[in-house]
Protein backbone atom coordinates (compact mmCIF):
# COMPACT_ATOMS: atom_id res chain seq x y z
CA MET A 1 -28.76 164.98 -202.99
CA ARG A 2 -25.75 167.14 -203.89
CA ARG A 3 -27.62 168.40 -206.92
CA TYR A 4 -30.53 169.52 -204.75
CA ILE A 5 -28.22 171.20 -202.25
CA SER A 6 -26.39 173.02 -205.05
CA ALA A 7 -29.71 174.17 -206.52
CA ALA A 8 -30.85 175.41 -203.10
CA ILE A 9 -27.62 177.33 -202.57
CA ALA A 10 -27.91 178.87 -206.04
CA ALA A 11 -31.50 179.91 -205.35
CA ILE A 12 -30.51 181.52 -202.03
CA THR A 13 -27.63 183.36 -203.72
CA VAL A 14 -29.91 184.72 -206.45
CA PHE A 15 -32.51 185.77 -203.87
CA ALA A 16 -29.86 187.58 -201.79
CA ALA A 17 -28.57 189.36 -204.89
CA VAL A 18 -32.08 190.50 -205.83
CA GLN A 19 -32.68 191.75 -202.30
CA THR A 20 -29.39 193.69 -202.40
CA VAL A 21 -30.26 195.31 -205.73
CA SER A 22 -33.73 196.21 -204.44
CA ALA A 23 -32.28 197.81 -201.30
CA GLN A 24 -29.73 199.72 -203.38
CA ASP A 25 -32.41 200.98 -205.76
CA ALA A 26 -34.56 202.07 -202.82
CA SER A 27 -31.65 204.08 -201.35
CA LEU A 28 -30.86 205.72 -204.70
CA ASP A 29 -34.54 206.54 -205.22
CA ARG A 30 -34.79 208.11 -201.77
CA ILE A 31 -31.66 210.24 -202.23
CA GLU A 32 -32.79 211.53 -205.63
CA ARG A 33 -36.38 212.15 -204.52
CA LYS A 34 -35.43 214.13 -201.42
CA ASN A 35 -32.77 216.22 -203.13
CA THR A 36 -34.91 216.94 -206.18
CA ALA A 37 -37.47 218.43 -203.81
CA LEU A 38 -34.94 220.91 -202.38
CA GLU A 39 -34.92 224.45 -203.74
CA THR A 40 -31.77 225.75 -202.05
CA ILE A 41 -28.86 224.66 -199.86
CA GLU A 42 -26.35 226.65 -197.83
CA ALA A 43 -23.47 224.97 -196.00
CA HIS A 44 -20.00 225.52 -194.64
CA PHE A 45 -17.42 223.36 -196.40
CA ASN A 46 -13.90 222.18 -195.67
CA GLN A 47 -11.89 221.16 -198.71
CA THR A 48 -8.75 219.02 -198.76
CA ARG A 49 -6.95 218.54 -202.06
CA THR A 50 -4.20 215.91 -202.06
CA LEU A 51 -1.70 216.11 -204.92
CA GLN A 52 0.25 213.22 -206.46
CA SER A 53 3.22 214.18 -204.27
CA GLY A 54 1.11 213.71 -201.15
CA LYS A 55 1.00 217.44 -200.42
CA GLU A 56 -2.31 218.57 -198.97
CA ILE A 57 -3.93 221.91 -199.78
CA VAL A 58 -6.61 222.80 -197.23
CA SER A 59 -9.27 225.46 -197.74
CA GLU A 60 -12.79 226.32 -196.61
CA GLY A 61 -15.74 228.53 -197.31
CA THR A 62 -19.49 228.60 -197.89
CA LEU A 63 -21.36 226.55 -200.47
CA TYR A 64 -24.63 227.70 -202.03
CA PHE A 65 -26.92 225.75 -204.33
CA SER A 66 -30.12 226.82 -206.07
CA SER A 67 -32.01 224.21 -208.05
CA PRO A 68 -31.52 223.12 -210.69
CA ASP A 69 -28.18 224.43 -211.98
CA ARG A 70 -26.66 227.17 -209.84
CA MET A 71 -23.86 226.49 -207.38
CA SER A 72 -21.35 228.77 -205.71
CA MET A 73 -18.36 228.08 -203.49
CA ILE A 74 -17.17 231.28 -201.86
CA TYR A 75 -13.87 230.67 -200.10
CA SER A 76 -12.86 232.30 -196.85
CA VAL A 77 -9.50 230.45 -196.90
CA PRO A 78 -8.01 231.56 -199.21
CA GLU A 79 -10.23 234.61 -199.65
CA SER A 80 -9.17 235.06 -203.29
CA ASP A 81 -10.71 231.76 -204.46
CA LEU A 82 -14.17 231.52 -205.96
CA PHE A 83 -16.11 228.88 -207.90
CA ILE A 84 -19.47 229.52 -209.58
CA ILE A 85 -21.76 227.47 -211.78
CA ASP A 86 -24.59 229.49 -213.28
CA GLY A 87 -26.36 227.42 -215.89
CA LYS A 88 -23.95 227.01 -218.80
CA SER A 89 -21.36 229.37 -217.31
CA LEU A 90 -18.56 228.17 -215.03
CA TYR A 91 -16.20 230.62 -213.33
CA MET A 92 -13.07 229.73 -211.37
CA ALA A 93 -10.73 232.02 -209.46
CA ARG A 94 -7.73 230.32 -207.90
CA GLY A 95 -4.88 232.48 -206.71
CA LYS A 96 -4.17 235.00 -209.48
CA SER A 97 -5.89 232.87 -212.14
CA ARG A 98 -9.37 233.92 -213.35
CA GLN A 99 -11.22 231.79 -215.89
CA LEU A 100 -14.74 231.87 -217.32
CA TYR A 101 -15.98 228.91 -219.39
CA ASP A 102 -18.98 228.18 -221.57
CA THR A 103 -19.68 224.55 -220.66
CA GLU A 104 -21.42 223.97 -224.00
CA LYS A 105 -18.07 224.59 -225.70
CA ASN A 106 -15.69 223.04 -223.16
CA ALA A 107 -16.13 219.29 -222.55
CA LEU A 108 -13.87 219.19 -219.48
CA MET A 109 -15.70 222.02 -217.71
CA ARG A 110 -19.06 220.59 -218.77
CA SER A 111 -18.09 217.29 -217.12
CA LEU A 112 -16.99 219.07 -213.95
CA SER A 113 -20.16 221.15 -213.79
CA SER A 114 -22.54 218.25 -214.39
CA THR A 115 -20.68 215.99 -211.93
CA LEU A 116 -20.96 218.49 -209.08
CA LEU A 117 -24.61 219.27 -209.81
CA TYR A 118 -25.54 215.57 -210.06
CA CYS A 119 -23.83 214.91 -206.72
CA VAL A 120 -25.71 217.70 -204.97
CA ARG A 121 -29.04 216.84 -206.64
CA GLY A 122 -28.59 213.14 -205.86
CA GLN A 123 -28.94 212.06 -209.49
CA LEU A 124 -26.57 209.19 -209.01
CA ARG A 125 -27.68 206.83 -211.75
CA THR A 126 -27.22 209.62 -214.30
CA LEU A 127 -23.86 210.45 -212.74
CA ALA A 128 -22.76 206.82 -213.06
CA GLN A 129 -23.91 206.66 -216.67
CA GLU A 130 -22.12 209.85 -217.69
CA ASN A 131 -18.92 208.78 -215.94
CA ASN A 132 -19.14 205.20 -217.28
CA ALA A 133 -19.01 203.90 -213.72
CA GLU A 134 -20.46 201.09 -211.65
CA ILE A 135 -22.33 202.11 -208.55
CA SER A 136 -22.59 200.58 -205.07
CA VAL A 137 -24.52 201.66 -201.99
CA GLU A 138 -23.76 201.02 -198.33
CA ASP A 139 -25.78 202.09 -195.29
CA THR A 140 -23.39 203.18 -192.55
CA SER A 141 -23.77 204.74 -189.12
CA ALA A 142 -22.75 208.07 -190.67
CA GLY A 143 -25.32 207.88 -193.49
CA CYS A 144 -25.80 206.41 -196.93
CA LYS A 145 -22.46 205.93 -198.70
CA VAL A 146 -22.52 205.79 -202.50
CA THR A 147 -19.39 204.78 -204.41
CA LEU A 148 -18.90 205.10 -208.16
CA ASN A 149 -15.92 203.35 -209.76
CA ALA A 150 -15.03 204.06 -213.38
CA LEU A 151 -15.16 201.00 -215.60
CA LYS A 152 -12.25 202.20 -217.72
CA ARG A 153 -9.72 204.99 -217.82
CA SER A 154 -10.78 208.20 -219.53
CA ALA A 155 -9.16 211.44 -220.64
CA ARG A 156 -11.44 213.35 -218.29
CA GLY A 157 -13.62 212.71 -215.29
CA TYR A 158 -12.92 210.64 -212.20
CA SER A 159 -11.68 207.15 -211.44
CA GLN A 160 -13.73 207.14 -208.25
CA ILE A 161 -16.43 209.26 -206.63
CA VAL A 162 -17.44 208.58 -203.03
CA LEU A 163 -20.47 210.38 -201.63
CA LEU A 164 -22.05 210.39 -198.18
CA TYR A 165 -25.66 211.49 -197.71
CA ASP A 166 -27.20 212.28 -194.35
CA ARG A 167 -29.19 209.37 -192.97
CA THR A 168 -32.26 211.50 -192.14
CA THR A 169 -32.34 214.31 -194.72
CA SER A 170 -30.40 212.60 -197.57
CA VAL A 171 -28.50 215.86 -198.11
CA LEU A 172 -24.90 215.52 -199.30
CA VAL A 173 -22.48 215.86 -196.38
CA ARG A 174 -19.23 214.54 -197.88
CA MET A 175 -17.91 214.32 -201.43
CA GLU A 176 -14.65 212.70 -202.50
CA LEU A 177 -13.47 213.05 -206.10
CA VAL A 178 -10.49 211.01 -207.29
CA GLU A 179 -9.08 212.01 -210.66
CA PHE A 180 -7.38 209.55 -213.01
CA SER A 181 -4.16 211.44 -212.24
CA ARG A 182 -4.67 210.32 -208.57
CA ILE A 183 -5.33 213.85 -207.35
CA ARG A 184 -7.95 213.54 -204.62
CA THR A 185 -10.31 216.29 -203.45
CA VAL A 186 -12.55 215.89 -200.40
CA TYR A 187 -15.36 218.28 -199.45
CA GLU A 188 -16.99 218.01 -196.04
CA MET A 189 -20.16 219.99 -195.42
CA SER A 190 -21.49 221.22 -192.06
CA ASP A 191 -23.99 223.77 -190.69
CA ILE A 192 -26.29 222.78 -193.53
CA ARG A 193 -29.48 224.77 -194.13
CA THR A 194 -32.03 223.94 -196.80
CA ASP A 195 -34.88 225.74 -198.57
CA ILE A 196 -33.75 229.16 -197.40
CA THR A 197 -33.58 232.41 -199.35
CA VAL A 198 -30.22 232.65 -201.12
CA ASP A 199 -28.94 236.05 -202.19
CA GLU A 200 -28.64 236.21 -205.99
CA ALA A 201 -25.30 237.98 -205.52
CA VAL A 202 -23.58 234.73 -204.61
CA TYR A 203 -23.94 233.64 -208.26
CA SER A 204 -22.67 236.93 -209.66
CA ILE A 205 -19.67 236.28 -211.92
CA PRO A 206 -16.95 238.98 -211.62
CA GLU A 207 -15.73 240.72 -214.74
CA LEU A 208 -12.45 239.36 -216.03
């Protein structure tokens, strides 16, 4: 009798695990499908960067995305900051620092660029693969929460990535990036508009 009960419990456990995987795959498929279909995104963002010391650096601005590989974060606070991905080019202005990178030649910037674009495009399986991470999905009242945890420490990339996609539109509304150095950056998007005309000027990289 015990043997039969144990077998029944094992069968139920396997069935539940299969159902969970199927539900997770369905959520990942939906997020990728809906975001792949988007041409453009515009949104206000609030950014909170927490350093190892616990100090928080708060900023905000407007995010633009044009499929497949153009993204711009134009800061209003502080006004001097700017972040642009335009294909293989990545430009960062932070304070007095101005840097332009060719992501084909810089592995760290290539990882940063691809991570952000995969998050926005909802290509989460590819993101997990490139970051050597395991992935889990949870449906919450706020939306679909996707968590990626790195399987081992790396010289670059993130120990954890937590993403929240809108329940109805599947558009990214919150992104949390935790570096191996324990620096944590959270982006929260609001006033989101999709498939609108985006001015090409927002991807214009200033001369150094």
